[in-house]
């Protein structure tokens, strides 16, 4: 595990330390948890985009010719 130095406003730091203490946690644990959640969310999104591409490429569905105009779509 690597150490990282952060610059945090004193008021924010004080509030977050209080938040962590109320939850029997530490500032360090909160930051690790938050950054881990970001990394996990990004990984899931990347895997989802890859799976959508795979499904699209393997799909047998075909798009027909355009049979409508912009005016048809916006007709009231």
PDB file of N, CA and C in Angstrom:
ATOM      1  N   UNK A   1       0.853  -1.174   0.000  1.00  0.00           N
ATOM      2  CA  UNK A   1       0.000   0.000   0.000  1.00  0.00           C
ATOM      3  C   UNK A   1       0.900   1.239   0.000  1.00  0.00           C
ATOM      4  N   UNK A   2       0.491   2.247  -0.752  1.00  0.00           N
ATOM      5  CA  UNK A   2       1.282   3.471  -0.882  1.00  0.00           C
ATOM      6  C   UNK A   2       0.700   4.570  -0.024  1.00  0.00           C
ATOM      7  N   UNK A   3       1.545   5.461   0.436  1.00  0.00           N
ATOM      8  CA  UNK A   3       1.110   6.654   1.152  1.00  0.00           C
ATOM      9  C   UNK A   3       0.924   7.786   0.164  1.00  0.00           C
ATOM     10  N   UNK A   4      -0.106   8.614   0.401  1.00  0.00           N
ATOM     11  CA  UNK A   4      -0.405   9.750  -0.453  1.00  0.00           C
ATOM     12  C   UNK A   4      -0.597  10.967   0.443  1.00  0.00           C
ATOM     13  N   UNK A   5      -0.090  12.096   0.020  1.00  0.00           N
ATOM     14  CA  UNK A   5      -0.263  13.332   0.768  1.00  0.00           C
ATOM     15  C   UNK A   5      -1.354  14.161   0.113  1.00  0.00           C
ATOM     16  N   UNK A   6      -2.305  14.629   0.914  1.00  0.00           N
ATOM     17  CA  UNK A   6      -3.403  15.444   0.410  1.00  0.00           C
ATOM     18  C   UNK A   6      -3.420  16.794   1.103  1.00  0.00           C
ATOM     19  N   UNK A   7      -3.892  17.790   0.401  1.00  0.00           N
ATOM     20  CA  UNK A   7      -4.129  19.103   1.004  1.00  0.00           C
ATOM     21  C   UNK A   7      -5.632  19.261   1.160  1.00  0.00           C
ATOM     22  N   UNK A   8      -6.070  19.452   2.412  1.00  0.00           N
ATOM     23  CA  UNK A   8      -7.496  19.543   2.709  1.00  0.00           C
ATOM     24  C   UNK A   8      -7.740  20.767   3.577  1.00  0.00           C
ATOM     25  N   UNK A   9      -8.768  21.505   3.234  1.00  0.00           N
ATOM     26  CA  UNK A   9      -9.161  22.678   4.009  1.00  0.00           C
ATOM     27  C   UNK A   9      -9.398  22.272   5.467  1.00  0.00           C
ATOM     28  N   UNK A  10      -8.965  23.094   6.407  1.00  0.00           N
ATOM     29  CA  UNK A  10      -9.090  22.788   7.838  1.00  0.00           C
ATOM     30  C   UNK A  10     -10.531  22.505   8.261  1.00  0.00           C
ATOM     31  N   UNK A  11     -11.473  23.290   7.770  1.00  0.00           N
ATOM     32  CA  UNK A  11     -12.877  23.090   8.141  1.00  0.00           C
ATOM     33  C   UNK A  11     -13.392  21.745   7.620  1.00  0.00           C
ATOM     34  N   UNK A  12     -13.013  21.415   6.400  1.00  0.00           N
ATOM     35  CA  UNK A  12     -13.422  20.139   5.813  1.00  0.00           C
ATOM     36  C   UNK A  12     -12.787  18.995   6.598  1.00  0.00           C
ATOM     37  N   UNK A  13     -11.516  19.117   6.898  1.00  0.00           N
ATOM     38  CA  UNK A  13     -10.806  18.087   7.645  1.00  0.00           C
ATOM     39  C   UNK A  13     -11.442  17.853   9.009  1.00  0.00           C
ATOM     40  N   UNK A  14     -11.773  18.911   9.689  1.00  0.00           N
ATOM     41  CA  UNK A  14     -12.395  18.802  11.008  1.00  0.00           C
ATOM     42  C   UNK A  14     -13.747  18.099  10.921  1.00  0.00           C
ATOM     43  N   UNK A  15     -14.542  18.485   9.930  1.00  0.00           N
ATOM     44  CA  UNK A  15     -15.864  17.888   9.768  1.00  0.00           C
ATOM     45  C   UNK A  15     -15.759  16.403   9.413  1.00  0.00           C
ATOM     46  N   UNK A  16     -14.806  16.059   8.565  1.00  0.00           N
ATOM     47  CA  UNK A  16     -14.666  14.671   8.143  1.00  0.00           C
ATOM     48  C   UNK A  16     -14.111  13.813   9.277  1.00  0.00           C
ATOM     49  N   UNK A  17     -13.221  14.348  10.057  1.00  0.00           N
ATOM     50  CA  UNK A  17     -12.717  13.598  11.222  1.00  0.00           C
ATOM     51  C   UNK A  17     -13.856  13.309  12.198  1.00  0.00           C
ATOM     52  N   UNK A  18     -14.720  14.286  12.411  1.00  0.00           N
ATOM     53  CA  UNK A  18     -15.876  14.095  13.291  1.00  0.00           C
ATOM     54  C   UNK A  18     -16.794  13.018  12.696  1.00  0.00           C
ATOM     55  N   UNK A  19     -17.049  13.104  11.386  1.00  0.00           N
ATOM     56  CA  UNK A  19     -17.876  12.128  10.685  1.00  0.00           C
ATOM     57  C   UNK A  19     -17.306  10.720  10.872  1.00  0.00           C
ATOM     58  N   UNK A  20     -16.001  10.573  10.673  1.00  0.00           N
ATOM     59  CA  UNK A  20     -15.347   9.268  10.804  1.00  0.00           C
ATOM     60  C   UNK A  20     -15.455   8.755  12.238  1.00  0.00           C
ATOM     61  N   UNK A  21     -15.203   9.617  13.224  1.00  0.00           N
ATOM     62  CA  UNK A  21     -15.266   9.201  14.624  1.00  0.00           C
ATOM     63  C   UNK A  21     -16.663   8.732  15.004  1.00  0.00           C
ATOM     64  N   UNK A  22     -17.686   9.406  14.494  1.00  0.00           N
ATOM     65  CA  UNK A  22     -19.071   9.015  14.781  1.00  0.00           C
ATOM     66  C   UNK A  22     -19.391   7.634  14.217  1.00  0.00           C
ATOM     67  N   UNK A  23     -18.621   7.192  13.252  1.00  0.00           N
ATOM     68  CA  UNK A  23     -18.848   5.891  12.613  1.00  0.00           C
ATOM     69  C   UNK A  23     -17.762   4.882  12.990  1.00  0.00           C
ATOM     70  N   UNK A  24     -17.027   5.195  14.046  1.00  0.00           N
ATOM     71  CA  UNK A  24     -15.926   4.331  14.500  1.00  0.00           C
ATOM     72  C   UNK A  24     -14.975   4.000  13.357  1.00  0.00           C
ATOM     73  N   UNK A  25     -14.627   4.999  12.588  1.00  0.00           N
ATOM     74  CA  UNK A  25     -13.745   4.831  11.446  1.00  0.00           C
ATOM     75  C   UNK A  25     -12.636   5.867  11.526  1.00  0.00           C
ATOM     76  N   UNK A  26     -11.832   5.925  10.493  1.00  0.00           N
ATOM     77  CA  UNK A  26     -10.760   6.919  10.411  1.00  0.00           C
ATOM     78  C   UNK A  26     -10.868   7.645   9.076  1.00  0.00           C
ATOM     79  N   UNK A  27     -10.239   8.780   9.023  1.00  0.00           N
ATOM     80  CA  UNK A  27     -10.185   9.533   7.767  1.00  0.00           C
ATOM     81  C   UNK A  27      -9.528   8.685   6.687  1.00  0.00           C
ATOM     82  N   UNK A  28      -8.457   8.008   7.040  1.00  0.00           N
ATOM     83  CA  UNK A  28      -7.742   7.153   6.100  1.00  0.00           C
ATOM     84  C   UNK A  28      -8.671   6.070   5.539  1.00  0.00           C
ATOM     85  N   UNK A  29      -9.443   5.424   6.412  1.00  0.00           N
ATOM     86  CA  UNK A  29     -10.366   4.370   5.961  1.00  0.00           C
ATOM     87  C   UNK A  29     -11.445   4.946   5.052  1.00  0.00           C
ATOM     88  N   UNK A  30     -11.951   6.131   5.376  1.00  0.00           N
ATOM     89  CA  UNK A  30     -12.975   6.763   4.539  1.00  0.00           C
ATOM     90  C   UNK A  30     -12.437   7.064   3.144  1.00  0.00           C
ATOM     91  N   UNK A  31     -11.229   7.594   3.073  1.00  0.00           N
ATOM     92  CA  UNK A  31     -10.625   7.921   1.774  1.00  0.00           C
ATOM     93  C   UNK A  31     -10.387   6.647   0.969  1.00  0.00           C
ATOM     94  N   UNK A  32      -9.846   5.601   1.622  1.00  0.00           N
ATOM     95  CA  UNK A  32      -9.625   4.323   0.925  1.00  0.00           C
ATOM     96  C   UNK A  32     -10.937   3.763   0.386  1.00  0.00           C
ATOM     97  N   UNK A  33     -11.976   3.796   1.212  1.00  0.00           N
ATOM     98  CA  UNK A  33     -13.279   3.277   0.808  1.00  0.00           C
ATOM     99  C   UNK A  33     -13.846   4.069  -0.374  1.00  0.00           C
ATOM    100  N   UNK A  34     -13.756   5.396  -0.295  1.00  0.00           N
ATOM    101  CA  UNK A  34     -14.274   6.257  -1.354  1.00  0.00           C
ATOM    102  C   UNK A  34     -13.539   6.018  -2.670  1.00  0.00           C
ATOM    103  N   UNK A  35     -12.227   5.996  -2.618  1.00  0.00           N
ATOM    104  CA  UNK A  35     -11.438   5.802  -3.836  1.00  0.00           C
ATOM    105  C   UNK A  35     -11.635   4.393  -4.397  1.00  0.00           C
ATOM    106  N   UNK A  36     -11.779   3.412  -3.518  1.00  0.00           N
ATOM    107  CA  UNK A  36     -12.049   2.048  -3.964  1.00  0.00           C
ATOM    108  C   UNK A  36     -13.387   1.954  -4.686  1.00  0.00           C
ATOM    109  N   UNK A  37     -14.393   2.669  -4.161  1.00  0.00           N
ATOM    110  CA  UNK A  37     -15.719   2.670  -4.792  1.00  0.00           C
ATOM    111  C   UNK A  37     -15.658   3.294  -6.183  1.00  0.00           C
ATOM    112  N   UNK A  38     -14.896   4.367  -6.333  1.00  0.00           N
ATOM    113  CA  UNK A  38     -14.741   5.001  -7.651  1.00  0.00           C
ATOM    114  C   UNK A  38     -14.099   4.022  -8.627  1.00  0.00           C
ATOM    115  N   UNK A  39     -13.019   3.377  -8.203  1.00  0.00           N
ATOM    116  CA  UNK A  39     -12.315   2.439  -9.076  1.00  0.00           C
ATOM    117  C   UNK A  39     -13.223   1.275  -9.464  1.00  0.00           C
ATOM    118  N   UNK A  40     -13.998   0.760  -8.505  1.00  0.00           N
ATOM    119  CA  UNK A  40     -14.907  -0.355  -8.784  1.00  0.00           C
ATOM    120  C   UNK A  40     -15.996   0.053  -9.765  1.00  0.00           C
ATOM    121  N   UNK A  41     -16.561   1.241  -9.569  1.00  0.00           N
ATOM    122  CA  UNK A  41     -17.615   1.729 -10.460  1.00  0.00           C
ATOM    123  C   UNK A  41     -17.089   1.895 -11.885  1.00  0.00           C
ATOM    124  N   UNK A  42     -15.893   2.438 -12.018  1.00  0.00           N
ATOM    125  CA  UNK A  42     -15.295   2.618 -13.339  1.00  0.00           C
ATOM    126  C   UNK A  42     -15.011   1.272 -13.997  1.00  0.00           C
ATOM    127  N   UNK A  43     -14.573   0.296 -13.204  1.00  0.00           N
ATOM    128  CA  UNK A  43     -14.299  -1.032 -13.741  1.00  0.00           C
ATOM    129  C   UNK A  43     -15.587  -1.679 -14.234  1.00  0.00           C
ATOM    130  N   UNK A  44     -16.661  -1.556 -13.460  1.00  0.00           N
ATOM    131  CA  UNK A  44     -17.950  -2.114 -13.879  1.00  0.00           C
ATOM    132  C   UNK A  44     -18.447  -1.447 -15.154  1.00  0.00           C
ATOM    133  N   UNK A  45     -18.281  -0.129 -15.250  1.00  0.00           N
ATOM    134  CA  UNK A  45     -18.721   0.598 -16.445  1.00  0.00           C
ATOM    135  C   UNK A  45     -17.926   0.149 -17.669  1.00  0.00           C
ATOM    136  N   UNK A  46     -16.629  -0.030 -17.507  1.00  0.00           N
ATOM    137  CA  UNK A  46     -15.777  -0.474 -18.619  1.00  0.00           C
ATOM    138  C   UNK A  46     -16.197  -1.866 -19.081  1.00  0.00           C
ATOM    139  N   UNK A  47     -16.442  -2.776 -18.116  1.00  0.00           N
ATOM    140  CA  UNK A  47     -16.878  -4.130 -18.469  1.00  0.00           C
ATOM    141  C   UNK A  47     -18.237  -4.111 -19.153  1.00  0.00           C
ATOM    142  N   UNK A  48     -19.117  -3.221 -18.701  1.00  0.00           N
ATOM    143  CA  UNK A  48     -20.449  -3.117 -19.309  1.00  0.00           C
ATOM    144  C   UNK A  48     -20.362  -2.638 -20.753  1.00  0.00           C
ATOM    145  N   UNK A  49     -19.532  -1.611 -20.987  1.00  0.00           N
ATOM    146  CA  UNK A  49     -19.365  -1.120 -22.362  1.00  0.00           C
ATOM    147  C   UNK A  49     -18.796  -2.198 -23.275  1.00  0.00           C
ATOM    148  N   UNK A  50     -17.838  -2.975 -22.751  1.00  0.00           N
ATOM    149  CA  UNK A  50     -17.246  -4.063 -23.532  1.00  0.00           C
ATOM    150  C   UNK A  50     -18.305  -5.107 -23.858  1.00  0.00           C
ATOM    151  N   UNK A  51     -19.139  -5.455 -22.888  1.00  0.00           N
ATOM    152  CA  UNK A  51     -20.176  -6.470 -23.106  1.00  0.00           C
ATOM    153  C   UNK A  51     -21.210  -5.986 -24.117  1.00  0.00           C
ATOM    154  N   UNK A  52     -21.575  -4.719 -24.061  1.00  0.00           N
ATOM    155  CA  UNK A  52     -22.526  -4.165 -25.032  1.00  0.00           C
ATOM    156  C   UNK A  52     -21.951  -4.248 -26.445  1.00  0.00           C
ATOM    157  N   UNK A  53     -20.672  -3.917 -26.598  1.00  0.00           N
ATOM    158  CA  UNK A  53     -20.024  -4.028 -27.918  1.00  0.00           C
ATOM    159  C   UNK A  53     -20.036  -5.474 -28.411  1.00  0.00           C
ATOM    160  N   UNK A  54     -19.724  -6.415 -27.510  1.00  0.00           N
ATOM    161  CA  UNK A  54     -19.720  -7.833 -27.890  1.00  0.00           C
ATOM    162  C   UNK A  54     -21.113  -8.274 -28.344  1.00  0.00           C
ATOM    163  N   UNK A  55     -22.129  -7.897 -27.582  1.00  0.00           N
ATOM    164  CA  UNK A  55     -23.498  -8.273 -27.948  1.00  0.00           C
ATOM    165  C   UNK A  55     -23.917  -7.645 -29.271  1.00  0.00           C
ATOM    166  N   UNK A  56     -23.522  -6.403 -29.469  1.00  0.00           N
ATOM    167  CA  UNK A  56     -23.859  -5.705 -30.712  1.00  0.00           C
ATOM    168  C   UNK A  56     -23.215  -6.388 -31.911  1.00  0.00           C
ATOM    169  N   UNK A  57     -21.949  -6.754 -31.755  1.00  0.00           N
ATOM    170  CA  UNK A  57     -21.229  -7.388 -32.860  1.00  0.00           C
ATOM    171  C   UNK A  57     -21.759  -8.789 -33.165  1.00  0.00           C
ATOM    172  N   UNK A  58     -22.260  -9.491 -32.152  1.00  0.00           N
ATOM    173  CA  UNK A  58     -22.747 -10.854 -32.376  1.00  0.00           C
ATOM    174  C   UNK A  58     -24.240 -10.904 -32.709  1.00  0.00           C
ATOM    175  N   UNK A  59     -24.901  -9.771 -32.659  1.00  0.00           N
ATOM    176  CA  UNK A  59     -26.337  -9.718 -32.925  1.00  0.00           C
ATOM    177  C   UNK A  59     -26.628 -10.011 -34.389  1.00  0.00           C
ATOM    178  N   UNK A  60     -27.722 -10.699 -34.602  1.00  0.00           N
ATOM    179  CA  UNK A  60     -28.151 -10.983 -35.971  1.00  0.00           C
ATOM    180  C   UNK A  60     -29.177  -9.962 -36.449  1.00  0.00           C
ATOM    181  N   UNK A  61     -29.523  -9.021 -35.597  1.00  0.00           N
ATOM    182  CA  UNK A  61     -30.493  -7.986 -35.970  1.00  0.00           C
ATOM    183  C   UNK A  61     -29.870  -7.075 -37.028  1.00  0.00           C
ATOM    184  N   UNK A  62     -30.681  -6.640 -37.942  1.00  0.00           N
ATOM    185  CA  UNK A  62     -30.210  -5.750 -39.001  1.00  0.00           C
ATOM    186  C   UNK A  62     -31.112  -4.527 -39.041  1.00  0.00           C
ATOM    187  N   UNK A  63     -30.531  -3.420 -39.353  1.00  0.00           N
ATOM    188  CA  UNK A  63     -31.273  -2.171 -39.442  1.00  0.00           C
ATOM    189  C   UNK A  63     -31.705  -1.985 -40.890  1.00  0.00           C
ATOM    190  N   UNK A  64     -32.982  -1.752 -41.079  1.00  0.00           N
ATOM    191  CA  UNK A  64     -33.507  -1.552 -42.431  1.00  0.00           C
ATOM    192  C   UNK A  64     -33.247  -0.143 -42.910  1.00  0.00           C
ATOM    193  N   UNK A  65     -33.767   0.152 -44.080  1.00  0.00           N
ATOM    194  CA  UNK A  65     -33.586   1.491 -44.626  1.00  0.00           C
ATOM    195  C   UNK A  65     -34.500   2.473 -43.903  1.00  0.00           C
ATOM    196  N   UNK A  66     -34.123   3.712 -43.918  1.00  0.00           N
ATOM    197  CA  UNK A  66     -34.893   4.770 -43.272  1.00  0.00           C
ATOM    198  C   UNK A  66     -36.171   5.018 -44.088  1.00  0.00           C
ATOM    199  N   UNK A  67     -37.306   4.897 -43.405  1.00  0.00           N
ATOM    200  CA  UNK A  67     -38.575   5.073 -44.113  1.00  0.00           C
ATOM    201  C   UNK A  67     -39.365   6.260 -43.573  1.00  0.00           C
ATOM    202  N   UNK A  68     -38.693   7.136 -42.830  1.00  0.00           N
ATOM    203  CA  UNK A  68     -39.364   8.273 -42.219  1.00  0.00           C
ATOM    204  C   UNK A  68     -38.535   9.529 -42.437  1.00  0.00           C
ATOM    205  N   UNK A  69     -39.169  10.650 -42.240  1.00  0.00           N
ATOM    206  CA  UNK A  69     -38.460  11.932 -42.324  1.00  0.00           C
ATOM    207  C   UNK A  69     -38.497  12.585 -40.962  1.00  0.00           C
ATOM    208  N   UNK A  70     -37.696  13.595 -40.809  1.00  0.00           N
ATOM    209  CA  UNK A  70     -37.695  14.338 -39.545  1.00  0.00           C
ATOM    210  C   UNK A  70     -39.064  14.920 -39.281  1.00  0.00           C
ATOM    211  N   UNK A  71     -39.720  15.446 -40.307  1.00  0.00           N
ATOM    212  CA  UNK A  71     -41.045  16.015 -40.148  1.00  0.00           C
ATOM    213  C   UNK A  71     -42.062  14.957 -39.691  1.00  0.00           C
ATOM    214  N   UNK A  72     -41.930  13.722 -40.197  1.00  0.00           N
ATOM    215  CA  UNK A  72     -42.821  12.634 -39.752  1.00  0.00           C
ATOM    216  C   UNK A  72     -42.677  12.419 -38.244  1.00  0.00           C
ATOM    217  N   UNK A  73     -41.462  12.438 -37.762  1.00  0.00           N
ATOM    218  CA  UNK A  73     -41.229  12.191 -36.346  1.00  0.00           C
ATOM    219  C   UNK A  73     -41.773  13.311 -35.468  1.00  0.00           C
ATOM    220  N   UNK A  74     -41.763  14.517 -35.972  1.00  0.00           N
ATOM    221  CA  UNK A  74     -42.174  15.674 -35.177  1.00  0.00           C
ATOM    222  C   UNK A  74     -43.573  16.173 -35.516  1.00  0.00           C
ATOM    223  N   UNK A  75     -44.313  15.413 -36.302  1.00  0.00           N
ATOM    224  CA  UNK A  75     -45.673  15.807 -36.664  1.00  0.00           C
ATOM    225  C   UNK A  75     -46.549  15.792 -35.404  1.00  0.00           C
ATOM    226  N   UNK A  76     -47.396  16.812 -35.313  1.00  0.00           N
ATOM    227  CA  UNK A  76     -48.289  16.894 -34.111  1.00  0.00           C
ATOM    228  C   UNK A  76     -49.698  16.677 -34.488  1.00  0.00           C
TER     229      UNK A  76
END
